Amino acid sequence: MRSRLPFTDPVVLVLLSMVHSGAMVGSALANDLRLRMPVDCEVGRTCIIQNYVDVDPSAAATDYTCGTLTYDGHNGTDFRLPSLAAQRAKVNVLAAADGRVLRIRDGVDDVAVTGGAHGKVDGRECGNGVIVGHAENWETQYCHMAKGTIRVKPGDSVVAGDPLGQIGLSGLTEYPHLHFTLRHDGKIADPFAYGRAGGACSGDAENLWDESVRKQLAYRPRTVLNTGFATDTVTREAIENGEMAQQQPAANSPAIVAFVRAIGLKQGDVQSLTLRDPAGHTLAEHHGAALDKNKAQVILFTGKKRTRPNWESGTYTATYVVSHDEQTLLEQQFQFELR
């Protein structure tokens, strides 16, 4: 997404002048910038990174590792929440570094934009957002925030970790996430690989994230976004709005279904999902064919209908595995207790 915040006011223009003249307090060297987490979440547990900056200037798309977690023209890092239910729980967007608020926009409704509805947000692709100026001509931009949650105004000073608002569903987005963009001298900068030659996805570069967050921001080419158990048909919509998370199977449920939603799977990946009863016996399993192309996200499920008066009490376990050329690349186990 190419995010835009097309608004200005006199205060903003003065602040922009201060930033570009170096008048803001901060370090003198551009590579002294160190970014903290811009979202109050834990990557890999309560949020994931869906997309990175597209470093390929052509019509193709490549992330900073030469991987596929991006799309053509994407100019930021997308911190995605696992569902709308998680977004409704109110997740804060945080200032990634000390600075001063340059611009904000609020008032854009939180509505998922799908199919051919992109024209409805022309000029407001960023949705509700904030731009913060930092020393030595750096800027951070925060997009898709929830309507009515922005807590700052132009001219406010912020320090790293200060809440700016909350993740929403405003602007050009299909799912709740923060689109985080970094700029230096008005040009897009990749915080994972700053200073690398244009168009390159390998070679020397500087990681601008603070040491305290680098471990959780380690690159994950494939990631599990949602897991759970259901008692009926599994749909993407039900997973997204949180309905699936509320379907805890009971002793008399008509079925027990295990499901997984994963992102970043690659052409040739093979998935399997196995559901086992408390005694360790296989109740159901799904072995998929090798993927014919890269997949932004995939939903896999397997289950069994009840054939006796009640399900056996105990721990039911599901195991999800992604392999490629017979090598296991991702494995996750999840379970629930039936009393």
Protein backbone atom coordinates (compact mmCIF):
# COMPACT_ATOMS: atom_id res chain seq x y z
CA MET A 1 0.00 0.00 0.00
CA ARG A 2 1.27 3.45 -0.89
CA SER A 3 0.02 5.40 2.11
CA ARG A 4 -0.91 9.06 1.79
CA LEU A 5 -1.93 11.65 4.36
CA PRO A 6 -2.85 14.64 2.15
CA PHE A 7 -3.33 17.34 4.74
CA THR A 8 -1.32 20.24 6.11
CA ASP A 9 -1.75 23.17 8.47
CA PRO A 10 0.50 26.09 9.55
CA VAL A 11 1.75 24.24 12.63
CA VAL A 12 2.73 21.28 10.49
CA LEU A 13 4.62 23.45 8.02
CA VAL A 14 6.61 25.07 10.83
CA LEU A 15 7.46 21.68 12.31
CA LEU A 16 8.51 20.30 8.95
CA SER A 17 10.89 23.24 8.62
CA MET A 18 12.32 22.44 12.06
CA VAL A 19 12.87 18.81 11.13
CA HIS A 20 14.62 19.55 7.85
CA SER A 21 16.84 22.21 9.42
CA GLY A 22 17.97 19.76 12.11
CA ALA A 23 16.40 21.90 14.85
CA MET A 24 14.83 18.93 16.62
CA VAL A 25 16.77 17.45 19.51
CA GLY A 26 18.48 14.16 18.69
CA SER A 27 21.58 12.43 17.43
CA ALA A 28 23.56 13.91 14.58
CA LEU A 29 24.09 10.73 12.60
CA ALA A 30 21.28 9.22 10.53
CA ASN A 31 22.31 5.69 11.45
CA ASP A 32 21.96 6.52 15.16
CA LEU A 33 18.18 6.13 14.79
CA ARG A 34 16.95 3.10 16.74
CA LEU A 35 13.33 2.06 16.52
CA ARG A 36 11.21 0.45 19.22
CA MET A 37 8.10 -1.66 18.62
CA PRO A 38 5.36 0.50 17.04
CA VAL A 39 2.62 -1.83 18.32
CA ASP A 40 1.86 -3.08 21.82
CA CYS A 41 2.00 -6.74 20.81
CA GLU A 42 4.42 -9.66 20.73
CA VAL A 43 5.39 -10.73 17.21
CA GLY A 44 4.83 -14.45 16.79
CA ARG A 45 2.31 -14.63 19.63
CA THR A 46 -0.25 -11.79 19.56
CA CYS A 47 0.64 -10.33 16.16
CA ILE A 48 2.67 -11.20 13.07
CA ILE A 49 4.45 -9.34 10.28
CA GLN A 50 2.39 -9.89 7.15
CA ASN A 51 4.38 -7.75 4.68
CA TYR A 52 7.72 -5.96 4.46
CA VAL A 53 8.99 -3.16 2.20
CA ASP A 54 9.17 -4.14 -1.47
CA VAL A 55 12.83 -3.55 -2.38
CA ASP A 56 12.40 -4.47 -6.07
CA PRO A 57 11.85 -1.35 -8.23
CA SER A 58 10.37 -3.44 -11.07
CA ALA A 59 6.86 -4.87 -11.33
CA ALA A 60 8.08 -7.86 -9.34
CA ALA A 61 8.13 -7.84 -5.53
CA THR A 62 10.85 -8.94 -3.10
CA ASP A 63 11.36 -8.36 0.62
CA TYR A 64 14.72 -7.56 2.21
CA THR A 65 15.67 -11.26 2.53
CA CYS A 66 14.92 -11.99 -1.16
CA GLY A 67 11.71 -13.57 0.14
CA THR A 68 8.06 -13.21 -0.83
CA LEU A 69 6.50 -11.41 2.16
CA THR A 70 5.60 -8.24 0.28
CA TYR A 71 3.83 -7.08 -2.87
CA ASP A 72 4.62 -4.64 -5.65
CA GLY A 73 5.03 -1.08 -4.38
CA HIS A 74 4.51 -1.90 -0.70
CA ASN A 75 6.33 0.83 1.23
CA GLY A 76 6.18 -0.24 4.86
CA THR A 77 6.00 -3.01 7.44
CA ASP A 78 2.58 -4.51 8.24
CA PHE A 79 2.03 -5.61 11.85
CA ARG A 80 -1.11 -7.75 11.62
CA LEU A 81 -3.45 -8.80 14.42
CA PRO A 82 -4.81 -12.37 14.22
CA SER A 83 -8.48 -11.36 14.01
CA LEU A 84 -11.05 -8.60 14.30
CA ALA A 85 -11.74 -9.90 17.80
CA ALA A 86 -8.13 -9.06 18.71
CA GLN A 87 -8.56 -5.59 17.22
CA ARG A 88 -11.75 -5.02 19.21
CA ALA A 89 -9.74 -5.75 22.37
CA LYS A 90 -7.94 -2.42 21.67
CA VAL A 91 -4.25 -2.75 20.77
CA ASN A 92 -2.19 0.42 21.12
CA VAL A 93 -0.05 1.92 18.37
CA LEU A 94 3.18 3.26 19.90
CA ALA A 95 5.70 5.91 18.90
CA ALA A 96 8.73 4.05 17.54
CA ALA A 97 11.19 6.80 18.49
CA ASP A 98 11.34 10.19 20.21
CA GLY A 99 10.02 13.01 18.06
CA ARG A 100 7.25 15.50 17.41
CA VAL A 101 3.87 14.94 15.79
CA LEU A 102 3.71 16.54 12.34
CA ARG A 103 0.32 15.46 11.03
CA ILE A 104 -2.69 13.40 11.98
CA ARG A 105 -5.92 12.32 10.35
CA ASP A 106 -9.00 10.94 12.09
CA GLY A 107 -12.63 10.41 11.15
CA VAL A 108 -12.22 7.62 8.56
CA ASP A 109 -14.58 4.71 9.24
CA ASP A 110 -13.23 1.28 10.17
CA VAL A 111 -14.45 -0.81 7.24
CA ALA A 112 -12.62 -3.61 5.42
CA VAL A 113 -12.03 -2.76 1.75
CA THR A 114 -12.33 -5.81 -0.49
CA GLY A 115 -12.75 -6.61 -4.16
CA GLY A 116 -13.27 -3.59 -6.38
CA ALA A 117 -14.06 -1.14 -3.59
CA HIS A 118 -10.61 0.51 -3.56
CA GLY A 119 -12.00 3.69 -5.10
CA LYS A 120 -13.96 4.39 -1.93
CA VAL A 121 -10.73 5.33 -0.13
CA ASP A 122 -8.90 7.20 -2.91
CA GLY A 123 -6.67 9.80 -1.27
CA ARG A 124 -7.30 8.21 2.14
CA GLU A 125 -5.46 4.91 1.67
CA CYS A 126 -3.67 5.36 5.01
CA GLY A 127 -6.98 5.78 6.79
CA ASN A 128 -6.65 7.33 10.22
CA GLY A 129 -2.98 7.97 10.86
CA VAL A 130 -0.14 9.87 12.43
CA ILE A 131 3.19 11.16 11.10
CA VAL A 132 5.99 11.82 13.60
CA GLY A 133 9.14 13.78 12.73
CA HIS A 134 12.48 12.79 14.23
CA ALA A 135 15.99 14.26 14.22
CA GLU A 136 17.99 14.50 10.99
CA ASN A 137 15.04 14.37 8.58
CA TRP A 138 13.59 11.03 9.70
CA GLU A 139 9.82 10.42 9.74
CA THR A 140 7.66 7.54 10.89
CA GLN A 141 4.09 7.08 9.65
CA TYR A 142 1.37 4.98 11.29
CA CYS A 143 -1.67 3.95 9.19
CA HIS A 144 -5.04 2.15 9.50
CA MET A 145 -5.67 3.32 13.05
CA ALA A 146 -9.09 3.05 14.67
CA LYS A 147 -11.48 5.96 14.24
CA GLY A 148 -11.64 8.21 17.29
CA THR A 149 -8.62 6.70 19.07
CA ILE A 150 -5.81 9.07 18.05
CA ARG A 151 -4.44 10.62 21.23
CA VAL A 152 -1.98 13.17 19.85
CA LYS A 153 -2.13 16.39 17.84
CA PRO A 154 0.35 18.26 15.61
CA GLY A 155 3.08 19.83 17.71
CA ASP A 156 2.96 17.26 20.52
CA SER A 157 6.30 15.84 21.64
CA VAL A 158 6.41 12.06 22.02
CA VAL A 159 8.96 9.59 23.33
CA ALA A 160 9.42 6.02 22.16
CA GLY A 161 6.63 3.87 23.56
CA ASP A 162 4.05 6.65 23.94
CA PRO A 163 0.56 5.55 22.79
CA LEU A 164 -0.55 7.33 19.61
CA GLY A 165 -3.89 5.54 19.20
CA GLN A 166 -5.10 2.03 18.44
CA ILE A 167 -4.97 -0.41 15.53
CA GLY A 168 -8.09 -0.21 13.39
CA LEU A 169 -9.48 -1.09 9.99
CA SER A 170 -9.53 2.31 8.29
CA GLY A 171 -8.29 3.12 4.80
CA LEU A 172 -7.15 0.59 2.21
CA THR A 173 -7.01 -2.63 4.21
CA GLU A 174 -8.81 -5.97 4.41
CA TYR A 175 -7.69 -6.92 7.92
CA PRO A 176 -6.67 -5.13 11.15
CA HIS A 177 -3.03 -4.11 11.11
CA LEU A 178 -0.61 -1.23 11.49
CA HIS A 179 1.11 -0.16 8.29
CA PHE A 180 4.38 1.35 9.56
CA THR A 181 6.46 3.45 7.17
CA LEU A 182 9.92 4.92 7.73
CA ARG A 183 11.29 7.79 5.62
CA HIS A 184 14.61 9.62 5.51
CA ASP A 185 14.91 12.87 3.58
CA GLY A 186 11.44 12.11 2.21
CA LYS A 187 12.46 8.74 0.76
CA ILE A 188 11.24 5.32 1.86
CA ALA A 189 13.71 3.51 4.12
CA ASP A 190 13.55 -0.17 5.05
CA PRO A 191 14.18 -0.41 8.81
CA PHE A 192 15.37 -4.00 8.40
CA ALA A 193 17.99 -3.19 5.76
CA TYR A 194 18.81 0.52 5.69
CA GLY A 195 21.50 1.69 3.28
CA ARG A 196 21.44 -1.30 0.96
CA ALA A 197 21.81 -0.55 -2.75
CA GLY A 198 18.48 0.16 -4.42
CA GLY A 199 16.75 -2.96 -5.69
CA ALA A 200 19.06 -5.36 -3.83
CA CYS A 201 17.74 -7.95 -1.39
CA SER A 202 21.14 -9.05 -0.12
CA GLY A 203 24.42 -7.40 0.82
CA ASP A 204 25.53 -5.00 3.54
CA ALA A 205 22.77 -3.09 5.31
CA GLU A 206 21.93 -1.71 8.72
CA ASN A 207 19.16 -2.95 10.98
CA LEU A 208 17.55 0.14 12.52
CA TRP A 209 15.53 -1.71 15.15
CA ASP A 210 16.67 -1.39 18.75
CA GLU A 211 18.53 -4.40 20.14
CA SER A 212 15.71 -4.94 22.65
CA VAL A 213 13.22 -5.87 19.90
CA ARG A 214 15.37 -7.54 17.24
CA LYS A 215 14.83 -11.07 18.54
CA GLN A 216 11.06 -10.92 18.25
CA LEU A 217 11.36 -9.22 14.85
CA ALA A 218 13.48 -12.05 13.42
CA TYR A 219 12.33 -12.93 9.90
CA ARG A 220 9.76 -15.73 9.71
CA PRO A 221 9.18 -16.82 6.10
CA ARG A 222 6.17 -18.91 7.15
CA THR A 223 3.95 -18.16 10.15
CA VAL A 224 0.85 -19.60 11.80
CA LEU A 225 -1.71 -16.84 12.30
CA ASN A 226 -4.63 -18.73 13.90
CA THR A 227 -5.24 -22.16 15.39
CA GLY A 228 -8.25 -23.60 17.14
CA PHE A 229 -11.05 -26.12 17.36
CA ALA A 230 -14.60 -25.86 16.10
CA THR A 231 -17.79 -27.89 16.13
CA ASP A 232 -18.99 -27.05 12.62
CA THR A 233 -17.86 -25.67 9.26
CA VAL A 234 -14.75 -23.48 9.36
CA THR A 235 -14.79 -20.30 7.25
CA ARG A 236 -12.34 -17.46 6.78
CA GLU A 237 -14.99 -14.96 7.87
CA ALA A 238 -15.68 -16.84 11.11
CA ILE A 239 -11.96 -17.02 11.91
CA GLU A 240 -11.50 -13.32 11.15
CA ASN A 241 -14.39 -12.08 13.28
CA GLY A 242 -13.48 -14.31 16.22
CA GLU A 243 -16.42 -16.73 16.07
CA MET A 244 -14.15 -19.76 15.74
CA ALA A 245 -12.27 -18.88 18.91
CA GLN A 246 -15.54 -19.18 20.85
CA GLN A 247 -16.45 -22.67 19.57
CA GLN A 248 -15.03 -24.85 22.33
CA PRO A 249 -16.17 -28.45 21.66
CA ALA A 250 -18.26 -30.12 24.35
CA ALA A 251 -18.95 -33.78 25.13
CA ASN A 252 -22.09 -33.78 22.96
CA SER A 253 -20.80 -31.59 20.10
CA PRO A 254 -21.75 -32.95 16.67
CA ALA A 255 -18.12 -32.82 15.54
CA ILE A 256 -14.60 -31.85 16.55
CA VAL A 257 -12.72 -29.88 13.89
CA ALA A 258 -9.15 -28.59 14.14
CA PHE A 259 -8.17 -25.61 11.97
CA VAL A 260 -5.11 -23.55 11.09
CA ARG A 261 -4.58 -20.33 9.16
CA ALA A 262 -1.00 -19.77 8.00
CA ILE A 263 0.71 -17.06 5.95
CA GLY A 264 3.75 -16.93 3.70
CA LEU A 265 3.59 -20.47 2.32
CA LYS A 266 5.64 -21.10 -0.80
CA GLN A 267 5.17 -22.97 -4.05
CA GLY A 268 5.98 -26.63 -3.41
CA ASP A 269 5.14 -26.53 0.32
CA VAL A 270 3.17 -29.51 1.62
CA GLN A 271 0.82 -29.17 4.61
CA SER A 272 -0.59 -31.75 6.98
CA LEU A 273 -2.94 -31.46 9.94
CA THR A 274 -3.58 -34.37 12.30
CA LEU A 275 -6.18 -34.51 15.09
CA ARG A 276 -5.67 -37.04 17.92
CA ASP A 277 -7.93 -38.11 20.78
CA PRO A 278 -6.89 -38.29 24.48
CA ALA A 279 -5.48 -41.80 23.95
CA GLY A 280 -3.27 -40.58 21.11
CA HIS A 281 -5.29 -42.27 18.37
CA THR A 282 -5.74 -40.41 15.10
CA LEU A 283 -9.29 -39.09 14.78
CA ALA A 284 -8.77 -37.27 11.48
CA GLU A 285 -6.01 -36.02 9.26
CA HIS A 286 -5.57 -33.91 6.16
CA HIS A 287 -2.54 -34.23 3.90
CA GLY A 288 -2.56 -31.52 1.25
CA ALA A 289 -0.97 -31.59 -2.18
CA ALA A 290 2.11 -29.48 -2.87
CA LEU A 291 1.10 -25.84 -3.38
CA ASP A 292 1.11 -24.79 -7.02
CA LYS A 293 2.10 -21.18 -6.17
CA ASN A 294 3.04 -18.90 -3.28
CA LYS A 295 0.14 -18.23 -0.92
CA ALA A 296 -0.39 -15.07 1.14
CA GLN A 297 -2.60 -17.10 3.47
CA VAL A 298 -4.00 -20.63 3.64
CA ILE A 299 -6.70 -22.22 5.82
CA LEU A 300 -6.51 -25.95 6.54
CA PHE A 301 -8.89 -28.00 8.67
CA THR A 302 -9.71 -31.59 9.52
CA GLY A 303 -12.27 -33.18 11.80
CA LYS A 304 -14.57 -36.03 12.68
CA LYS A 305 -18.30 -36.30 13.33
CA ARG A 306 -19.46 -37.81 16.62
CA THR A 307 -20.53 -41.45 16.25
CA ARG A 308 -21.17 -42.26 19.92
CA PRO A 309 -23.32 -40.61 22.64
CA ASN A 310 -20.44 -38.43 23.90
CA TRP A 311 -16.84 -37.63 23.13
CA GLU A 312 -14.25 -39.09 25.49
CA SER A 313 -13.01 -36.64 28.10
CA GLY A 314 -9.35 -35.61 28.12
CA THR A 315 -6.86 -33.68 25.99
CA TYR A 316 -7.36 -33.48 22.21
CA THR A 317 -4.26 -32.51 20.25
CA ALA A 318 -3.74 -31.21 16.73
CA THR A 319 -0.39 -31.07 14.93
CA TYR A 320 0.21 -28.86 11.90
CA VAL A 321 3.30 -29.42 9.74
CA VAL A 322 4.62 -27.63 6.67
CA SER A 323 7.37 -29.40 4.74
CA HIS A 324 9.26 -28.75 1.53
CA ASP A 325 11.28 -31.38 -0.32
CA GLU A 326 10.59 -33.70 2.64
CA GLN A 327 12.17 -31.25 5.10
CA THR A 328 9.99 -29.93 7.95
CA LEU A 329 10.03 -26.12 7.93
CA LEU A 330 7.18 -25.29 10.30
CA GLU A 331 5.47 -27.33 13.00
CA GLN A 332 2.93 -26.27 15.60
CA GLN A 333 0.89 -28.25 18.09
CA PHE A 334 -2.25 -27.03 19.83
CA GLN A 335 -4.82 -28.68 22.10
CA PHE A 336 -7.92 -28.33 24.24
CA GLU A 337 -9.23 -30.10 27.31
CA LEU A 338 -12.66 -31.73 27.21
CA ARG A 339 -13.99 -32.29 30.72
